Protein backbone atom coordinates (compact mmCIF):
# COMPACT_ATOMS: atom_id res chain seq x y z
CA MET A 1 -33.53 28.79 -6.93
CA ARG A 2 -30.32 29.60 -7.82
CA ARG A 3 -27.95 29.60 -4.87
CA PHE A 4 -30.29 26.10 -4.13
CA VAL A 5 -28.65 24.31 -6.92
CA TYR A 6 -24.95 26.51 -5.99
CA GLN A 7 -25.68 25.07 -2.46
CA LEU A 8 -26.61 21.64 -4.22
CA HIS A 9 -23.85 20.88 -6.40
CA LEU A 10 -21.46 22.92 -3.40
CA TRP A 11 -21.65 19.49 -1.79
CA LEU A 12 -22.50 16.79 -4.12
CA GLY A 13 -19.28 18.25 -5.71
CA LEU A 14 -17.38 17.33 -1.90
CA LEU A 15 -19.03 13.74 -1.53
CA VAL A 16 -18.53 12.87 -5.24
CA SER A 17 -14.89 13.25 -5.38
CA ILE A 18 -13.75 11.69 -2.64
CA PRO A 19 -14.08 8.24 -3.97
CA VAL A 20 -13.85 10.05 -7.18
CA LEU A 21 -10.14 11.17 -6.24
CA ALA A 22 -9.76 7.63 -4.11
CA TRP A 23 -10.47 6.00 -7.59
CA ALA A 24 -8.31 8.10 -10.03
CA LEU A 25 -5.12 7.99 -7.17
CA SER A 26 -5.66 3.51 -6.74
CA GLY A 27 -6.26 3.27 -10.67
CA PHE A 28 -2.65 5.72 -11.83
CA LEU A 29 -1.04 4.14 -8.93
CA TYR A 30 -1.87 0.01 -11.01
CA ALA A 31 -0.17 1.79 -13.62
CA LEU A 32 2.88 1.52 -12.53
CA PRO A 33 3.82 -1.34 -12.03
CA ASN A 34 6.46 -0.61 -9.18
CA THR A 35 4.93 1.24 -6.93
CA VAL A 36 2.65 -0.89 -5.97
CA GLU A 37 3.75 -4.46 -6.38
CA GLY A 38 7.97 -3.44 -6.38
CA ASN A 39 7.58 -6.53 -9.80
CA LYS A 40 10.29 -5.83 -12.42
CA ILE A 41 8.03 -5.94 -15.30
CA ASP A 42 9.99 -8.37 -18.30
CA THR A 43 9.13 -9.01 -22.26
CA ILE A 44 8.38 -13.17 -22.66
CA ASP A 45 10.88 -15.60 -23.24
CA GLN A 46 8.57 -17.53 -26.17
CA SER A 47 10.20 -20.10 -26.48
CA ARG A 48 10.43 -21.12 -22.76
CA VAL A 49 6.49 -21.22 -22.82
CA LYS A 50 5.73 -25.10 -23.20
CA VAL A 51 2.53 -25.51 -21.03
CA ALA A 52 -0.98 -24.33 -22.21
CA PRO A 53 -3.40 -21.76 -21.09
CA VAL A 54 -6.24 -24.11 -21.29
CA ASP A 55 -3.70 -27.45 -19.10
CA ALA A 56 -2.68 -23.90 -16.78
CA ILE A 57 -6.50 -23.44 -15.79
CA GLN A 58 -6.90 -27.08 -14.98
CA LYS A 59 -3.50 -27.56 -13.10
CA ALA A 60 -4.66 -24.62 -10.26
CA HIS A 61 -8.62 -26.30 -10.35
CA GLY A 62 -6.58 -29.51 -9.27
CA LEU A 63 -4.78 -27.63 -6.95
CA ALA A 64 -7.92 -25.70 -5.60
CA GLY A 65 -9.97 -29.34 -5.87
CA LYS A 66 -12.22 -27.93 -8.12
CA THR A 67 -13.61 -25.65 -10.22
CA LEU A 68 -12.59 -21.78 -9.61
CA PRO A 69 -13.68 -18.96 -10.99
CA THR A 70 -11.00 -18.28 -12.72
CA THR A 71 -11.65 -14.74 -14.34
CA ALA A 72 -8.60 -13.87 -16.14
CA LEU A 73 -4.99 -16.32 -16.61
CA THR A 74 -2.04 -13.87 -17.63
CA LEU A 75 1.07 -14.66 -19.08
CA LEU A 76 4.41 -13.14 -17.09
CA MET A 77 7.34 -13.48 -16.44
CA ARG A 78 8.89 -13.56 -12.99
CA ASP A 79 11.69 -13.64 -11.51
CA GLY A 80 13.33 -14.49 -14.88
CA LYS A 81 11.00 -17.68 -15.69
CA PRO A 82 7.09 -17.92 -17.47
CA TYR A 83 4.38 -17.70 -15.26
CA TYR A 84 0.10 -18.40 -16.01
CA GLN A 85 -1.45 -16.02 -12.83
CA ALA A 86 -4.78 -17.82 -13.02
CA VAL A 87 -6.96 -14.62 -10.66
CA GLY A 88 -10.24 -15.81 -9.73
CA GLY A 89 -13.37 -14.53 -8.01
CA MET A 90 -12.72 -10.45 -7.05
CA GLY A 91 -8.95 -10.54 -8.46
CA MET A 92 -8.18 -11.17 -4.62
CA ASP A 93 -6.40 -14.60 -5.09
CA SER A 94 -4.21 -15.20 -7.86
CA ILE A 95 -2.80 -18.89 -8.47
CA LEU A 96 0.60 -19.02 -10.77
CA VAL A 97 1.17 -21.50 -12.85
CA ASP A 98 4.87 -22.61 -14.13
CA ALA A 99 4.24 -22.57 -18.15
CA GLU A 100 7.97 -24.53 -18.12
CA THR A 101 7.00 -27.77 -15.78
CA GLY A 102 3.15 -26.75 -15.29
CA GLU A 103 4.17 -26.86 -11.42
CA VAL A 104 1.61 -24.75 -9.53
CA LEU A 105 2.25 -22.21 -6.50
CA ILE A 106 0.64 -20.24 -4.52
CA THR A 107 0.94 -16.83 -4.66
CA PRO A 108 2.35 -15.27 -1.70
CA PRO A 109 -0.47 -13.06 0.13
CA PRO A 110 -0.42 -9.57 -1.05
CA SER A 111 1.55 -6.37 0.86
CA LEU A 112 -0.88 -4.31 2.85
CA ALA A 113 0.38 -1.05 0.34
CA THR A 114 -1.53 -3.39 -3.14
CA ARG A 115 -4.26 -4.89 -0.44
CA PHE A 116 -5.55 -0.92 0.27
CA PHE A 117 -4.88 -0.13 -3.27
CA ARG A 118 -7.24 -3.25 -4.84
CA GLN A 119 -9.94 -2.04 -1.61
CA ALA A 120 -10.26 1.30 -2.90
CA HIS A 121 -10.33 1.23 -6.68
CA PHE A 122 -12.39 -2.02 -6.93
CA TYR A 123 -14.52 -1.51 -3.97
CA TYR A 124 -13.68 -4.83 -2.18
CA PHE A 125 -14.37 -2.81 1.33
CA ALA A 126 -17.97 -2.67 0.55
CA GLY A 127 -18.77 -6.28 0.07
CA SER A 128 -22.10 -7.41 -1.32
CA TRP A 129 -22.73 -3.25 -1.41
CA GLN A 130 -19.73 -2.65 -4.08
CA VAL A 131 -22.46 -2.15 -7.55
CA ALA A 132 -24.86 -0.40 -4.85
CA LEU A 133 -22.22 2.15 -4.04
CA LEU A 134 -20.77 2.23 -7.58
CA ILE A 135 -24.25 2.94 -8.81
CA VAL A 136 -24.65 5.11 -5.70
CA PHE A 137 -21.71 7.67 -6.65
CA SER A 138 -22.24 7.62 -10.26
CA LEU A 139 -25.62 9.19 -10.15
CA LEU A 140 -24.72 11.44 -7.19
CA ALA A 141 -21.57 12.19 -10.15
CA CYS A 142 -24.15 12.91 -13.00
CA LEU A 143 -26.18 15.16 -10.79
CA SER A 144 -23.44 16.48 -10.48
CA ALA A 145 -22.55 17.20 -13.89
CA LEU A 146 -25.33 18.45 -14.73
CA THR A 147 -25.76 20.56 -11.37
CA GLY A 148 -22.50 22.62 -13.04
CA ILE A 149 -23.60 22.47 -16.92
CA TYR A 150 -26.98 24.25 -15.30
CA LEU A 151 -24.92 26.96 -13.57
CA ASN A 152 -22.30 27.44 -16.34
CA CYS A 153 -25.59 28.38 -18.91
CA VAL A 154 -26.70 31.03 -16.27
CA TYR A 155 -23.93 32.08 -15.55
CA TRP A 156 -22.76 32.65 -18.65
CA PHE A 157 -25.54 33.55 -20.65
CA GLY A 158 -26.19 35.79 -17.58
CA ARG A 159 -23.43 37.02 -18.34
CA LYS A 160 -24.33 38.77 -21.74
CA LYS A 161 -27.98 39.55 -21.05
CA THR A 162 -25.65 41.62 -18.56
CA LYS A 163 -23.66 42.88 -21.24
CA ILE A 164 -26.05 44.16 -23.31
CA GLN A 165 -27.99 46.07 -20.94
CA PHE A 166 -25.34 47.83 -19.82
CA SER A 167 -23.99 49.12 -23.23
CA GLU A 168 -28.41 49.90 -23.82
CA SER A 169 -27.69 51.99 -20.67
CA SER A 170 -24.71 53.82 -21.30
CA ASN A 171 -26.18 55.06 -24.62
């Protein structure tokens, strides 16, 4: 039984480590904006912000000609100007609204590196399988953790028994 659990734990660890490593690496790179996007982070000059967030969302809807599934609206500085970035859907596309004038811009497509790390981090490549893959890998990671706990308990508690038996036999 113990041999089976060792083998299961080994293979689960290998299987689960690949997406976990990709997720961790891509998340780490997103924590360093200059490495992926190449943008400098500037402090927002609040005195230059003339457009309200609600108006920025309405302008983004106007550009699209429909109500967008906006999931995030971020105020940021870009090229020395304040912009609202409206992110929609799965976070792949965004629209910039100038926070001073209300002018609407479509952002250029992200770089190859940015697209790659977004795909890896958010499992966008999986399409409709995204949630299922996340659940399966989460369950496999839990099973791997449980087998690791079991093996640790067997190792450490078995080790104490061996020491007790060894010390009794030497007397």
